[in-house]
Amino acid sequence: MNAGPDRARKKAIARAWVDRPRLQGVFAVRCAGGGQVWVSTTRNPDTQKNSVWFSLRTGGHPNRAAQAAWNAHGEAAFSYEVLETISEEGLTPLGLKDRLKARERYWREALGAAALVG
């Protein structure tokens, strides 16, 4: 059995995944029950919600105010929103980090939000 074409296709798919432009960004977590908003940055806006929700569900989120709001109002009161994505193309790692910090500050001020982590 010749696995050559299938193996080459799999390698091409893996290479495309590794070489894809990565989007990082800023997201908000909102609690409708208490009116709170928290903002943070993430390396992967599409999957960050799972991480935040997991830590809140298990009672181990580092933000005590967010954890208290989750405990008081429950998961149904919470929402996750990607506010902005930033491509790393054309940016150095330090430039990307600086841009993310600046955009997080902007969104925290614009929404009257607290930091989710940090």
C-alpha atoms as a PDB file:
ATOM      1  CA  MET A   1       0.000   0.000   0.000  1.00  0.00           C
ATOM      2  CA  ASN A   2       1.399   3.405  -0.982  1.00  0.00           C
ATOM      3  CA  ALA A   3       0.803   6.043   1.687  1.00  0.00           C
ATOM      4  CA  GLY A   4       2.901   8.678  -0.105  1.00  0.00           C
ATOM      5  CA  PRO A   5       0.149  11.010  -1.388  1.00  0.00           C
ATOM      6  CA  ASP A   6      -1.809  10.782   1.859  1.00  0.00           C
ATOM      7  CA  ARG A   7       1.297  11.427   3.945  1.00  0.00           C
ATOM      8  CA  ALA A   8       2.239  14.419   1.768  1.00  0.00           C
ATOM      9  CA  ARG A   9      -1.287  15.834   2.096  1.00  0.00           C
ATOM     10  CA  LYS A  10      -1.163  15.476   5.884  1.00  0.00           C
ATOM     11  CA  LYS A  11       2.220  17.198   5.997  1.00  0.00           C
ATOM     12  CA  ALA A  12       0.880  20.041   3.839  1.00  0.00           C
ATOM     13  CA  ILE A  13      -2.120  20.478   6.152  1.00  0.00           C
ATOM     14  CA  ALA A  14       0.135  20.482   9.221  1.00  0.00           C
ATOM     15  CA  ARG A  15       2.520  23.002   7.629  1.00  0.00           C
ATOM     16  CA  ALA A  16      -0.394  25.288   6.685  1.00  0.00           C
ATOM     17  CA  TRP A  17      -1.593  25.148  10.303  1.00  0.00           C
ATOM     18  CA  VAL A  18       1.836  26.063  11.672  1.00  0.00           C
ATOM     19  CA  ASP A  19       2.375  28.826   9.103  1.00  0.00           C
ATOM     20  CA  ARG A  20      -1.087  30.395   9.397  1.00  0.00           C
ATOM     21  CA  PRO A  21      -1.231  34.032  10.491  1.00  0.00           C
ATOM     22  CA  ARG A  22      -2.086  33.994  14.164  1.00  0.00           C
ATOM     23  CA  LEU A  23      -4.653  36.338  15.567  1.00  0.00           C
ATOM     24  CA  GLN A  24      -4.379  37.424  19.142  1.00  0.00           C
ATOM     25  CA  GLY A  25      -6.745  39.831  20.725  1.00  0.00           C
ATOM     26  CA  VAL A  26      -8.718  41.463  23.460  1.00  0.00           C
ATOM     27  CA  PHE A  27     -11.885  40.009  24.954  1.00  0.00           C
ATOM     28  CA  ALA A  28     -14.502  40.941  27.517  1.00  0.00           C
ATOM     29  CA  VAL A  29     -16.357  38.848  30.052  1.00  0.00           C
ATOM     30  CA  ARG A  30     -19.617  40.394  31.195  1.00  0.00           C
ATOM     31  CA  CYS A  31     -21.900  39.581  34.087  1.00  0.00           C
ATOM     32  CA  ALA A  32     -25.421  40.768  33.356  1.00  0.00           C
ATOM     33  CA  GLY A  33     -26.529  39.968  36.909  1.00  0.00           C
ATOM     34  CA  GLY A  34     -24.093  42.357  38.524  1.00  0.00           C
ATOM     35  CA  GLY A  35     -23.268  44.641  35.625  1.00  0.00           C
ATOM     36  CA  GLN A  36     -19.542  43.956  35.854  1.00  0.00           C
ATOM     37  CA  VAL A  37     -17.202  43.806  32.875  1.00  0.00           C
ATOM     38  CA  TRP A  38     -13.681  42.405  32.798  1.00  0.00           C
ATOM     39  CA  VAL A  39     -11.223  42.722  29.922  1.00  0.00           C
ATOM     40  CA  SER A  40      -8.076  40.799  29.080  1.00  0.00           C
ATOM     41  CA  THR A  41      -5.852  39.745  26.194  1.00  0.00           C
ATOM     42  CA  THR A  42      -5.493  36.291  24.709  1.00  0.00           C
ATOM     43  CA  ARG A  43      -3.303  34.355  22.315  1.00  0.00           C
ATOM     44  CA  ASN A  44      -6.357  32.579  20.947  1.00  0.00           C
ATOM     45  CA  PRO A  45      -9.639  34.530  21.017  1.00  0.00           C
ATOM     46  CA  ASP A  46     -11.629  31.621  19.583  1.00  0.00           C
ATOM     47  CA  THR A  47     -10.889  29.244  22.450  1.00  0.00           C
ATOM     48  CA  GLN A  48     -10.242  31.541  25.412  1.00  0.00           C
ATOM     49  CA  LYS A  49     -13.840  31.334  26.621  1.00  0.00           C
ATOM     50  CA  ASN A  50     -13.428  27.617  27.365  1.00  0.00           C
ATOM     51  CA  SER A  51     -10.456  28.324  29.599  1.00  0.00           C
ATOM     52  CA  VAL A  52     -12.145  31.165  31.481  1.00  0.00           C
ATOM     53  CA  TRP A  53     -15.409  29.240  31.932  1.00  0.00           C
ATOM     54  CA  PHE A  54     -13.534  26.143  33.132  1.00  0.00           C
ATOM     55  CA  SER A  55     -11.691  28.073  35.840  1.00  0.00           C
ATOM     56  CA  LEU A  56     -14.918  29.792  36.917  1.00  0.00           C
ATOM     57  CA  ARG A  57     -16.898  26.522  36.971  1.00  0.00           C
ATOM     58  CA  THR A  58     -14.264  24.830  39.107  1.00  0.00           C
ATOM     59  CA  GLY A  59     -14.024  27.792  41.479  1.00  0.00           C
ATOM     60  CA  GLY A  60     -10.390  28.479  40.736  1.00  0.00           C
ATOM     61  CA  HIS A  61     -10.411  31.692  38.741  1.00  0.00           C
ATOM     62  CA  PRO A  62      -7.660  34.083  39.918  1.00  0.00           C
ATOM     63  CA  ASN A  63      -9.973  37.117  39.707  1.00  0.00           C
ATOM     64  CA  ARG A  64     -11.870  36.988  42.990  1.00  0.00           C
ATOM     65  CA  ALA A  65     -14.520  39.498  41.898  1.00  0.00           C
ATOM     66  CA  ALA A  66     -15.285  37.542  38.726  1.00  0.00           C
ATOM     67  CA  GLN A  67     -15.421  34.293  40.684  1.00  0.00           C
ATOM     68  CA  ALA A  68     -17.732  35.858  43.284  1.00  0.00           C
ATOM     69  CA  ALA A  69     -20.040  37.176  40.546  1.00  0.00           C
ATOM     70  CA  TRP A  70     -20.086  33.728  38.890  1.00  0.00           C
ATOM     71  CA  ASN A  71     -20.909  32.097  42.219  1.00  0.00           C
ATOM     72  CA  ALA A  72     -23.662  34.634  42.918  1.00  0.00           C
ATOM     73  CA  HIS A  73     -25.294  34.879  39.476  1.00  0.00           C
ATOM     74  CA  GLY A  74     -24.347  31.651  37.712  1.00  0.00           C
ATOM     75  CA  GLU A  75     -23.109  30.834  34.251  1.00  0.00           C
ATOM     76  CA  ALA A  76     -26.289  32.024  32.512  1.00  0.00           C
ATOM     77  CA  ALA A  77     -25.520  35.612  33.569  1.00  0.00           C
ATOM     78  CA  PHE A  78     -22.112  35.579  31.886  1.00  0.00           C
ATOM     79  CA  SER A  79     -21.143  36.314  28.303  1.00  0.00           C
ATOM     80  CA  TYR A  80     -17.883  36.312  26.370  1.00  0.00           C
ATOM     81  CA  GLU A  81     -17.113  38.751  23.577  1.00  0.00           C
ATOM     82  CA  VAL A  82     -14.059  39.144  21.368  1.00  0.00           C
ATOM     83  CA  LEU A  83     -13.582  42.903  21.206  1.00  0.00           C
ATOM     84  CA  GLU A  84     -10.678  43.054  18.782  1.00  0.00           C
ATOM     85  CA  THR A  85      -8.238  40.758  17.021  1.00  0.00           C
ATOM     86  CA  ILE A  86      -4.683  41.689  16.145  1.00  0.00           C
ATOM     87  CA  SER A  87      -2.563  39.854  13.610  1.00  0.00           C
ATOM     88  CA  GLU A  88       1.071  39.283  14.464  1.00  0.00           C
ATOM     89  CA  GLU A  89       2.064  39.838  10.832  1.00  0.00           C
ATOM     90  CA  GLY A  90       4.639  42.597  10.545  1.00  0.00           C
ATOM     91  CA  LEU A  91       5.076  42.881  14.304  1.00  0.00           C
ATOM     92  CA  THR A  92       7.967  41.746  16.419  1.00  0.00           C
ATOM     93  CA  PRO A  93       7.022  39.739  19.512  1.00  0.00           C
ATOM     94  CA  LEU A  94       7.675  42.832  21.635  1.00  0.00           C
ATOM     95  CA  GLY A  95       5.667  45.008  19.246  1.00  0.00           C
ATOM     96  CA  LEU A  96       2.741  42.598  19.448  1.00  0.00           C
ATOM     97  CA  LYS A  97       2.914  42.518  23.240  1.00  0.00           C
ATOM     98  CA  ASP A  98       2.943  46.332  23.384  1.00  0.00           C
ATOM     99  CA  ARG A  99       0.013  46.576  20.958  1.00  0.00           C
ATOM    100  CA  LEU A 100      -2.032  44.079  22.988  1.00  0.00           C
ATOM    101  CA  LYS A 101      -1.335  45.969  26.229  1.00  0.00           C
ATOM    102  CA  ALA A 102      -2.322  49.273  24.634  1.00  0.00           C
ATOM    103  CA  ARG A 103      -5.548  47.850  23.204  1.00  0.00           C
ATOM    104  CA  GLU A 104      -6.423  46.218  26.522  1.00  0.00           C
ATOM    105  CA  ARG A 105      -5.999  49.597  28.258  1.00  0.00           C
ATOM    106  CA  TYR A 106      -8.164  51.228  25.594  1.00  0.00           C
ATOM    107  CA  TRP A 107     -10.982  48.708  25.996  1.00  0.00           C
ATOM    108  CA  ARG A 108     -10.856  48.760  29.795  1.00  0.00           C
ATOM    109  CA  GLU A 109     -11.247  52.532  29.724  1.00  0.00           C
ATOM    110  CA  ALA A 110     -13.910  52.505  26.999  1.00  0.00           C
ATOM    111  CA  LEU A 111     -16.039  49.928  28.843  1.00  0.00           C
ATOM    112  CA  GLY A 112     -15.275  50.999  32.395  1.00  0.00           C
ATOM    113  CA  ALA A 113     -13.982  47.473  32.893  1.00  0.00           C
ATOM    114  CA  ALA A 114     -11.588  45.872  35.323  1.00  0.00           C
ATOM    115  CA  ALA A 115      -8.735  43.581  34.385  1.00  0.00           C
ATOM    116  CA  LEU A 116      -9.727  39.923  34.263  1.00  0.00           C
ATOM    117  CA  VAL A 117      -6.226  38.737  35.092  1.00  0.00           C
ATOM    118  CA  GLY A 118      -3.046  40.412  36.200  1.00  0.00           C
END
